[in-house]
N, C-alpha and C. Protein backbone atom coordinates (compact mmCIF):
# COMPACT_ATOMS: atom_id res chain seq x y z
N UNK A 1 104.53 78.21 97.71
CA UNK A 1 105.08 77.77 98.97
C UNK A 1 106.57 78.08 99.00
N UNK A 2 107.03 78.41 100.18
CA UNK A 2 108.45 78.63 100.40
C UNK A 2 108.92 77.67 101.49
N UNK A 3 110.08 77.07 101.28
CA UNK A 3 110.70 76.21 102.29
C UNK A 3 111.75 77.04 103.02
N UNK A 4 111.70 77.03 104.34
CA UNK A 4 112.61 77.83 105.15
C UNK A 4 113.38 76.94 106.12
N UNK A 5 114.59 77.35 106.39
CA UNK A 5 115.40 76.74 107.44
C UNK A 5 115.73 77.85 108.42
N UNK A 6 115.31 77.68 109.67
CA UNK A 6 115.58 78.69 110.69
C UNK A 6 116.92 78.44 111.35
N UNK A 7 117.52 79.50 111.81
CA UNK A 7 118.77 79.36 112.56
C UNK A 7 118.49 78.59 113.85
N UNK A 8 119.48 77.84 114.33
CA UNK A 8 119.27 77.10 115.59
C UNK A 8 118.84 78.04 116.71
N UNK A 9 117.83 77.61 117.45
CA UNK A 9 117.33 78.38 118.57
C UNK A 9 116.32 79.45 118.20
N UNK A 10 116.05 79.63 116.92
CA UNK A 10 115.09 80.65 116.47
C UNK A 10 113.72 80.02 116.23
N UNK A 11 112.70 80.85 116.35
CA UNK A 11 111.33 80.42 116.08
C UNK A 11 110.74 81.32 115.02
N UNK A 12 109.74 80.85 114.33
CA UNK A 12 109.06 81.65 113.32
C UNK A 12 108.13 82.63 114.00
N UNK A 13 108.29 83.91 113.69
CA UNK A 13 107.41 84.96 114.17
C UNK A 13 106.47 85.31 113.03
N UNK A 14 105.27 84.72 113.06
CA UNK A 14 104.31 84.87 111.97
C UNK A 14 103.95 86.30 111.63
N UNK A 15 103.61 87.14 112.61
CA UNK A 15 103.28 88.54 112.29
C UNK A 15 104.47 89.32 111.74
N UNK A 16 105.66 89.12 112.29
CA UNK A 16 106.84 89.85 111.81
C UNK A 16 107.19 89.43 110.39
N UNK A 17 107.09 88.14 110.10
CA UNK A 17 107.38 87.67 108.75
C UNK A 17 106.36 88.22 107.77
N UNK A 18 105.10 88.29 108.17
CA UNK A 18 104.06 88.87 107.30
C UNK A 18 104.42 90.32 106.96
N UNK A 19 104.79 91.11 107.97
CA UNK A 19 105.16 92.51 107.73
C UNK A 19 106.36 92.61 106.79
N UNK A 20 107.33 91.74 106.97
CA UNK A 20 108.53 91.73 106.14
C UNK A 20 108.17 91.43 104.67
N UNK A 21 107.39 90.41 104.47
CA UNK A 21 106.96 90.02 103.13
C UNK A 21 106.13 91.14 102.50
N UNK A 22 105.25 91.73 103.29
CA UNK A 22 104.37 92.81 102.81
C UNK A 22 105.18 94.02 102.33
N UNK A 23 106.28 94.31 103.01
CA UNK A 23 107.10 95.46 102.66
C UNK A 23 107.97 95.19 101.43
N UNK A 24 108.44 93.95 101.25
CA UNK A 24 109.42 93.66 100.21
C UNK A 24 108.86 93.09 98.92
N UNK A 25 107.69 92.48 98.97
CA UNK A 25 107.18 91.78 97.79
C UNK A 25 105.80 92.30 97.40
N UNK A 26 105.50 92.28 96.10
CA UNK A 26 104.13 92.61 95.69
C UNK A 26 103.19 91.47 96.13
N UNK A 27 101.92 91.76 96.35
CA UNK A 27 100.99 90.74 96.87
C UNK A 27 100.97 89.44 96.07
N UNK A 28 101.11 89.50 94.76
CA UNK A 28 101.06 88.26 93.98
C UNK A 28 102.27 87.36 94.25
N UNK A 29 103.34 87.88 94.84
CA UNK A 29 104.54 87.10 95.10
C UNK A 29 104.64 86.61 96.55
N UNK A 30 103.68 86.94 97.38
CA UNK A 30 103.71 86.49 98.77
C UNK A 30 103.54 84.98 98.83
N UNK A 31 104.42 84.27 99.54
CA UNK A 31 104.21 82.83 99.69
C UNK A 31 102.95 82.58 100.52
N UNK A 32 102.05 81.81 99.98
CA UNK A 32 100.80 81.50 100.70
C UNK A 32 101.02 80.42 101.75
N UNK A 33 102.02 79.57 101.52
CA UNK A 33 102.34 78.50 102.46
C UNK A 33 103.82 78.54 102.76
N UNK A 34 104.17 78.18 103.99
CA UNK A 34 105.56 78.05 104.41
C UNK A 34 105.78 76.64 104.94
N UNK A 35 106.95 76.14 104.68
CA UNK A 35 107.32 74.81 105.18
C UNK A 35 108.66 74.96 105.90
N UNK A 36 108.69 74.68 107.19
CA UNK A 36 109.92 74.77 107.97
C UNK A 36 110.65 73.43 107.91
N UNK A 37 111.93 73.49 107.56
CA UNK A 37 112.73 72.27 107.46
C UNK A 37 113.99 72.40 108.31
N UNK A 38 114.52 71.25 108.68
CA UNK A 38 115.79 71.21 109.42
C UNK A 38 116.94 71.62 108.51
N UNK A 39 116.88 71.18 107.26
CA UNK A 39 117.88 71.53 106.26
C UNK A 39 117.23 71.38 104.88
N UNK A 40 117.76 72.06 103.89
CA UNK A 40 117.23 71.95 102.54
C UNK A 40 117.85 70.74 101.85
N UNK A 41 117.01 69.88 101.32
CA UNK A 41 117.50 68.70 100.59
C UNK A 41 118.08 69.15 99.26
N UNK A 42 119.27 68.67 98.96
CA UNK A 42 119.96 69.06 97.73
C UNK A 42 120.25 67.84 96.87
N UNK A 43 120.41 68.10 95.56
CA UNK A 43 120.81 67.05 94.63
C UNK A 43 122.34 66.95 94.65
N UNK A 44 122.87 66.04 93.84
CA UNK A 44 124.33 65.88 93.76
C UNK A 44 125.00 67.12 93.17
N UNK A 45 124.25 67.92 92.42
CA UNK A 45 124.80 69.13 91.81
C UNK A 45 124.39 70.39 92.60
N UNK A 46 124.03 70.20 93.86
CA UNK A 46 123.73 71.28 94.79
C UNK A 46 122.52 72.12 94.39
N UNK A 47 121.53 71.48 93.80
CA UNK A 47 120.26 72.15 93.51
C UNK A 47 119.23 71.67 94.52
N UNK A 48 118.28 72.54 94.84
CA UNK A 48 117.23 72.14 95.78
C UNK A 48 116.32 71.11 95.14
N UNK A 49 115.87 70.16 95.94
CA UNK A 49 114.96 69.11 95.45
C UNK A 49 113.52 69.62 95.50
N UNK A 50 113.21 70.52 94.57
CA UNK A 50 111.89 71.15 94.54
C UNK A 50 110.80 70.21 94.06
N UNK A 51 111.14 69.27 93.20
CA UNK A 51 110.13 68.37 92.65
C UNK A 51 109.50 67.53 93.77
N UNK A 52 110.32 67.00 94.64
CA UNK A 52 109.79 66.20 95.76
C UNK A 52 108.90 67.04 96.66
N UNK A 53 109.33 68.27 96.93
CA UNK A 53 108.52 69.15 97.77
C UNK A 53 107.18 69.45 97.11
N UNK A 54 107.21 69.71 95.80
CA UNK A 54 105.97 69.99 95.08
C UNK A 54 105.05 68.78 95.06
N UNK A 55 105.61 67.59 94.92
CA UNK A 55 104.80 66.38 94.91
C UNK A 55 104.12 66.14 96.26
N UNK A 56 104.81 66.46 97.34
CA UNK A 56 104.23 66.28 98.68
C UNK A 56 103.12 67.28 98.93
N UNK A 57 103.19 68.45 98.29
CA UNK A 57 102.13 69.45 98.45
C UNK A 57 102.13 70.09 99.82
N UNK A 58 100.92 70.43 100.29
CA UNK A 58 100.82 71.11 101.58
C UNK A 58 99.78 70.46 102.48
N UNK A 59 99.55 69.17 102.29
CA UNK A 59 98.64 68.42 103.15
C UNK A 59 99.37 68.13 104.47
N UNK A 60 98.88 68.66 105.59
CA UNK A 60 99.58 68.45 106.87
C UNK A 60 99.67 66.99 107.30
N UNK A 61 98.84 66.14 106.73
CA UNK A 61 98.90 64.71 107.05
C UNK A 61 100.07 64.05 106.33
N UNK A 62 100.37 64.49 105.10
CA UNK A 62 101.44 63.89 104.29
C UNK A 62 102.80 64.51 104.54
N UNK A 63 102.84 65.77 104.94
CA UNK A 63 104.10 66.49 105.07
C UNK A 63 104.59 66.41 106.52
N UNK A 64 105.79 65.90 106.73
CA UNK A 64 106.29 65.74 108.10
C UNK A 64 106.75 67.06 108.73
N UNK A 65 107.01 68.08 107.93
CA UNK A 65 107.53 69.35 108.44
C UNK A 65 106.40 70.27 108.87
N UNK A 66 106.67 71.20 109.80
CA UNK A 66 105.66 72.19 110.17
C UNK A 66 105.28 73.06 108.97
N UNK A 67 103.99 73.28 108.80
CA UNK A 67 103.47 74.10 107.71
C UNK A 67 102.77 75.32 108.28
N UNK A 68 102.85 76.43 107.56
CA UNK A 68 102.19 77.66 107.95
C UNK A 68 101.42 78.22 106.76
N UNK A 69 100.32 78.91 107.06
CA UNK A 69 99.46 79.49 106.05
C UNK A 69 99.44 81.00 106.22
N UNK A 70 99.48 81.72 105.12
CA UNK A 70 99.36 83.17 105.14
C UNK A 70 97.91 83.51 105.45
N UNK A 71 97.67 84.15 106.59
CA UNK A 71 96.33 84.55 107.00
C UNK A 71 96.24 86.07 106.92
N UNK A 72 95.61 86.56 105.86
CA UNK A 72 95.56 88.01 105.66
C UNK A 72 94.62 88.70 106.64
N UNK A 73 93.68 87.98 107.25
CA UNK A 73 92.79 88.61 108.22
C UNK A 73 93.53 88.95 109.51
N UNK A 74 94.45 88.07 109.94
CA UNK A 74 95.23 88.35 111.15
C UNK A 74 96.59 88.96 110.84
N UNK A 75 96.91 89.06 109.53
CA UNK A 75 98.19 89.61 109.09
C UNK A 75 99.37 88.86 109.73
N UNK A 76 99.32 87.54 109.55
CA UNK A 76 100.37 86.69 110.12
C UNK A 76 100.40 85.37 109.37
N UNK A 77 101.51 84.67 109.52
CA UNK A 77 101.60 83.28 109.10
C UNK A 77 101.21 82.44 110.30
N UNK A 78 100.20 81.59 110.12
CA UNK A 78 99.67 80.79 111.22
C UNK A 78 99.90 79.31 110.93
N UNK A 79 100.04 78.48 111.98
CA UNK A 79 100.24 77.04 111.75
C UNK A 79 99.07 76.45 110.96
N UNK A 80 99.40 75.63 109.99
CA UNK A 80 98.39 74.97 109.15
C UNK A 80 98.06 73.62 109.77
N UNK A 81 96.92 73.56 110.41
CA UNK A 81 96.46 72.31 111.01
C UNK A 81 95.32 71.73 110.19
N UNK A 82 94.75 70.62 110.66
CA UNK A 82 93.68 69.96 109.92
C UNK A 82 92.47 70.86 109.65
N UNK A 83 92.09 71.71 110.60
CA UNK A 83 90.91 72.56 110.41
C UNK A 83 91.15 73.59 109.30
N UNK A 84 92.29 74.25 109.32
CA UNK A 84 92.60 75.21 108.25
C UNK A 84 92.75 74.50 106.91
N UNK A 85 93.37 73.34 106.92
CA UNK A 85 93.55 72.55 105.69
C UNK A 85 92.19 72.25 105.07
N UNK A 86 91.22 71.83 105.92
CA UNK A 86 89.89 71.52 105.41
C UNK A 86 89.21 72.78 104.88
N UNK A 87 89.45 73.92 105.53
CA UNK A 87 88.90 75.18 105.05
C UNK A 87 89.43 75.56 103.68
N UNK A 88 90.69 75.28 103.44
CA UNK A 88 91.29 75.54 102.12
C UNK A 88 90.65 74.62 101.08
N UNK A 89 90.51 73.35 101.42
CA UNK A 89 89.91 72.39 100.48
C UNK A 89 88.46 72.72 100.17
N UNK A 90 87.71 73.13 101.19
CA UNK A 90 86.29 73.46 101.01
C UNK A 90 86.07 74.80 100.34
N UNK A 91 87.11 75.62 100.25
CA UNK A 91 86.97 76.94 99.66
C UNK A 91 86.51 78.00 100.64
N UNK A 92 86.41 77.65 101.94
CA UNK A 92 86.02 78.64 102.94
C UNK A 92 87.14 79.65 103.18
N UNK A 93 88.39 79.22 102.98
CA UNK A 93 89.53 80.11 103.13
C UNK A 93 90.09 80.44 101.76
N UNK A 94 90.19 81.71 101.45
CA UNK A 94 90.77 82.12 100.18
C UNK A 94 92.28 82.22 100.31
N UNK A 95 92.96 81.68 99.32
CA UNK A 95 94.43 81.79 99.33
C UNK A 95 94.89 82.50 98.08
């Protein structure tokens, strides 16, 4: 998972981000999940609070931030809602 902060007034373009990731990273390094945040939470020593993010996971019920899933069939990052979440849990969606 990657946590992103968008510039004010910008929106996530799922297909464009997929193309960007596809061009720059090998497939094993593609973030399967994205989490959009208002700002990155930092520690007192200016490190990202990754442990808290990892503990929260990617359950859309537990995570207050918008989540996106890498969908290789549509070649885009798509919003992760309850139906997609259940597909991941059931194994119907490969990640």
